[in-house]
Amino acid sequence: MSEFKHISVQEVADNASAYTIVDIRDPQSFANGHMSEAMHLSNQNLAEFIARAPKTQPVVVVCYHGISSQQAAQMIAGQGFAEVYSMDGGFEAWRSSQAVVTSAS
């Protein structure tokens, strides 16, 4: 079974376009602010993501603080993706050091 790895905020920031970034926080939190490259991933679109996302593209899973993303990353890694990462510190670590995009209400 594939295992996920950990990745730092800085590693993602340095080469964000190389990753498929999925944010698993709740929809309201995502709408209030997210990484510019991130897509929201929920139970509603998970099956479609697994079916359509390129398995060779590295995936970075982002949550609030880097805890629940580990379980999600493990599940995604088990779906045949070559490289899956949990971003250490989560979105809160990103917010404190990087640019954040907010959705218009």
C-alpha atoms as a PDB file:
ATOM      1  CA  MET A   1       0.000   0.000   0.000  1.00  0.00           C
ATOM      2  CA  SER A   2       1.245   3.471  -0.838  1.00  0.00           C
ATOM      3  CA  GLU A   3       2.177   5.753   1.994  1.00  0.00           C
ATOM      4  CA  PHE A   4       1.816   9.519   2.120  1.00  0.00           C
ATOM      5  CA  LYS A   5       4.715  11.810   2.992  1.00  0.00           C
ATOM      6  CA  HIS A   6       4.945  15.086   4.852  1.00  0.00           C
ATOM      7  CA  ILE A   7       5.755  18.344   3.071  1.00  0.00           C
ATOM      8  CA  SER A   8       6.483  21.796   4.452  1.00  0.00           C
ATOM      9  CA  VAL A   9       4.639  24.989   3.602  1.00  0.00           C
ATOM     10  CA  GLN A  10       7.851  26.362   2.116  1.00  0.00           C
ATOM     11  CA  GLU A  11       8.360  23.336  -0.146  1.00  0.00           C
ATOM     12  CA  VAL A  12       4.829  23.753  -1.503  1.00  0.00           C
ATOM     13  CA  ALA A  13       5.233  27.530  -1.867  1.00  0.00           C
ATOM     14  CA  ASP A  14       8.484  27.127  -3.777  1.00  0.00           C
ATOM     15  CA  ASN A  15       6.877  25.005  -6.488  1.00  0.00           C
ATOM     16  CA  ALA A  16       3.093  25.092  -6.025  1.00  0.00           C
ATOM     17  CA  SER A  17       2.363  24.596  -9.727  1.00  0.00           C
ATOM     18  CA  ALA A  18       4.022  21.158  -9.572  1.00  0.00           C
ATOM     19  CA  TYR A  19       1.300  19.858  -7.246  1.00  0.00           C
ATOM     20  CA  THR A  20      -2.404  19.192  -7.278  1.00  0.00           C
ATOM     21  CA  ILE A  21      -3.426  20.923  -4.049  1.00  0.00           C
ATOM     22  CA  VAL A  22      -6.642  19.788  -2.378  1.00  0.00           C
ATOM     23  CA  ASP A  23      -8.127  21.591   0.625  1.00  0.00           C
ATOM     24  CA  ILE A  24     -10.340  19.403   2.818  1.00  0.00           C
ATOM     25  CA  ARG A  25     -11.551  22.106   5.202  1.00  0.00           C
ATOM     26  CA  ASP A  26     -15.263  22.915   5.364  1.00  0.00           C
ATOM     27  CA  PRO A  27     -16.752  24.907   2.446  1.00  0.00           C
ATOM     28  CA  GLN A  28     -17.191  28.114   4.466  1.00  0.00           C
ATOM     29  CA  SER A  29     -13.564  28.117   5.622  1.00  0.00           C
ATOM     30  CA  PHE A  30     -12.413  27.477   2.043  1.00  0.00           C
ATOM     31  CA  ALA A  31     -14.596  30.352   0.790  1.00  0.00           C
ATOM     32  CA  ASN A  32     -13.177  32.652   3.473  1.00  0.00           C
ATOM     33  CA  GLY A  33      -9.627  32.001   2.315  1.00  0.00           C
ATOM     34  CA  HIS A  34      -7.524  29.364   0.569  1.00  0.00           C
ATOM     35  CA  MET A  35      -4.295  28.754  -1.313  1.00  0.00           C
ATOM     36  CA  SER A  36      -4.561  30.168  -4.831  1.00  0.00           C
ATOM     37  CA  GLU A  37      -3.829  26.807  -6.488  1.00  0.00           C
ATOM     38  CA  ALA A  38      -6.104  24.786  -4.204  1.00  0.00           C
ATOM     39  CA  MET A  39      -9.339  23.059  -5.099  1.00  0.00           C
ATOM     40  CA  HIS A  40     -11.905  22.234  -2.443  1.00  0.00           C
ATOM     41  CA  LEU A  41     -12.220  18.498  -1.857  1.00  0.00           C
ATOM     42  CA  SER A  42     -15.203  17.090   0.014  1.00  0.00           C
ATOM     43  CA  ASN A  43     -17.160  13.864   0.254  1.00  0.00           C
ATOM     44  CA  GLN A  44     -19.335  15.212  -2.572  1.00  0.00           C
ATOM     45  CA  ASN A  45     -16.517  15.457  -5.135  1.00  0.00           C
ATOM     46  CA  LEU A  46     -14.006  12.905  -3.825  1.00  0.00           C
ATOM     47  CA  ALA A  47     -15.000  10.062  -6.178  1.00  0.00           C
ATOM     48  CA  GLU A  48     -14.807  12.390  -9.181  1.00  0.00           C
ATOM     49  CA  PHE A  49     -11.401  13.670  -8.077  1.00  0.00           C
ATOM     50  CA  ILE A  50     -10.043  10.126  -7.718  1.00  0.00           C
ATOM     51  CA  ALA A  51     -11.430   9.171 -11.132  1.00  0.00           C
ATOM     52  CA  ARG A  52     -10.183  12.265 -13.004  1.00  0.00           C
ATOM     53  CA  ALA A  53      -7.006  13.515 -11.335  1.00  0.00           C
ATOM     54  CA  PRO A  54      -3.773  12.365 -12.966  1.00  0.00           C
ATOM     55  CA  LYS A  55      -2.248   9.656 -10.768  1.00  0.00           C
ATOM     56  CA  THR A  56       1.280  10.765 -11.708  1.00  0.00           C
ATOM     57  CA  GLN A  57       0.799  14.368 -10.497  1.00  0.00           C
ATOM     58  CA  PRO A  58       1.875  14.799  -6.844  1.00  0.00           C
ATOM     59  CA  VAL A  59      -1.073  15.619  -4.562  1.00  0.00           C
ATOM     60  CA  VAL A  60      -0.804  17.866  -1.486  1.00  0.00           C
ATOM     61  CA  VAL A  61      -3.625  17.582   1.052  1.00  0.00           C
ATOM     62  CA  VAL A  62      -4.316  20.658   3.202  1.00  0.00           C
ATOM     63  CA  CYS A  63      -6.514  20.899   6.298  1.00  0.00           C
ATOM     64  CA  TYR A  64      -6.627  23.368   9.196  1.00  0.00           C
ATOM     65  CA  HIS A  65      -3.471  22.386  11.111  1.00  0.00           C
ATOM     66  CA  GLY A  66      -1.998  19.378   9.312  1.00  0.00           C
ATOM     67  CA  ILE A  67      -3.708  16.699  11.405  1.00  0.00           C
ATOM     68  CA  SER A  68      -6.802  15.485   9.524  1.00  0.00           C
ATOM     69  CA  SER A  69      -4.950  15.893   6.210  1.00  0.00           C
ATOM     70  CA  GLN A  70      -2.778  12.929   7.199  1.00  0.00           C
ATOM     71  CA  GLN A  71      -5.727  10.535   7.249  1.00  0.00           C
ATOM     72  CA  ALA A  72      -7.070  11.953   3.977  1.00  0.00           C
ATOM     73  CA  ALA A  73      -3.616  11.752   2.379  1.00  0.00           C
ATOM     74  CA  GLN A  74      -3.322   8.099   3.395  1.00  0.00           C
ATOM     75  CA  MET A  75      -6.712   7.337   1.838  1.00  0.00           C
ATOM     76  CA  ILE A  76      -5.795   9.149  -1.405  1.00  0.00           C
ATOM     77  CA  ALA A  77      -2.411   7.388  -1.526  1.00  0.00           C
ATOM     78  CA  GLY A  78      -4.290   4.106  -1.362  1.00  0.00           C
ATOM     79  CA  GLN A  79      -6.168   5.028  -4.556  1.00  0.00           C
ATOM     80  CA  GLY A  80      -3.131   4.641  -6.798  1.00  0.00           C
ATOM     81  CA  PHE A  81      -1.618   8.119  -6.733  1.00  0.00           C
ATOM     82  CA  ALA A  82       2.175   8.027  -7.112  1.00  0.00           C
ATOM     83  CA  GLU A  83       2.974  10.797  -4.612  1.00  0.00           C
ATOM     84  CA  VAL A  84       0.703  12.139  -1.873  1.00  0.00           C
ATOM     85  CA  TYR A  85       1.698  14.650   0.802  1.00  0.00           C
ATOM     86  CA  SER A  86       0.132  16.070   3.944  1.00  0.00           C
ATOM     87  CA  MET A  87       1.184  19.706   4.365  1.00  0.00           C
ATOM     88  CA  ASP A  88       2.652  20.191   7.827  1.00  0.00           C
ATOM     89  CA  GLY A  89       0.942  22.960   9.792  1.00  0.00           C
ATOM     90  CA  GLY A  90      -1.997  23.032   7.382  1.00  0.00           C
ATOM     91  CA  PHE A  91      -3.709  26.140   6.089  1.00  0.00           C
ATOM     92  CA  GLU A  92      -3.012  28.076   9.292  1.00  0.00           C
ATOM     93  CA  ALA A  93       0.739  27.710   8.703  1.00  0.00           C
ATOM     94  CA  TRP A  94       0.228  28.780   5.069  1.00  0.00           C
ATOM     95  CA  ARG A  95      -1.862  31.806   6.094  1.00  0.00           C
ATOM     96  CA  SER A  96       0.861  33.046   8.436  1.00  0.00           C
ATOM     97  CA  SER A  97       3.584  32.943   5.786  1.00  0.00           C
ATOM     98  CA  GLN A  98       2.048  33.012   2.280  1.00  0.00           C
ATOM     99  CA  ALA A  99      -0.583  34.712   0.157  1.00  0.00           C
ATOM    100  CA  VAL A 100      -4.222  33.753   0.686  1.00  0.00           C
ATOM    101  CA  VAL A 101      -7.051  34.053  -1.821  1.00  0.00           C
ATOM    102  CA  THR A 102     -10.526  34.936  -0.588  1.00  0.00           C
ATOM    103  CA  SER A 103     -13.657  34.212  -2.549  1.00  0.00           C
ATOM    104  CA  ALA A 104     -16.086  37.029  -3.238  1.00  0.00           C
ATOM    105  CA  SER A 105     -19.281  36.667  -1.226  1.00  0.00           C
END
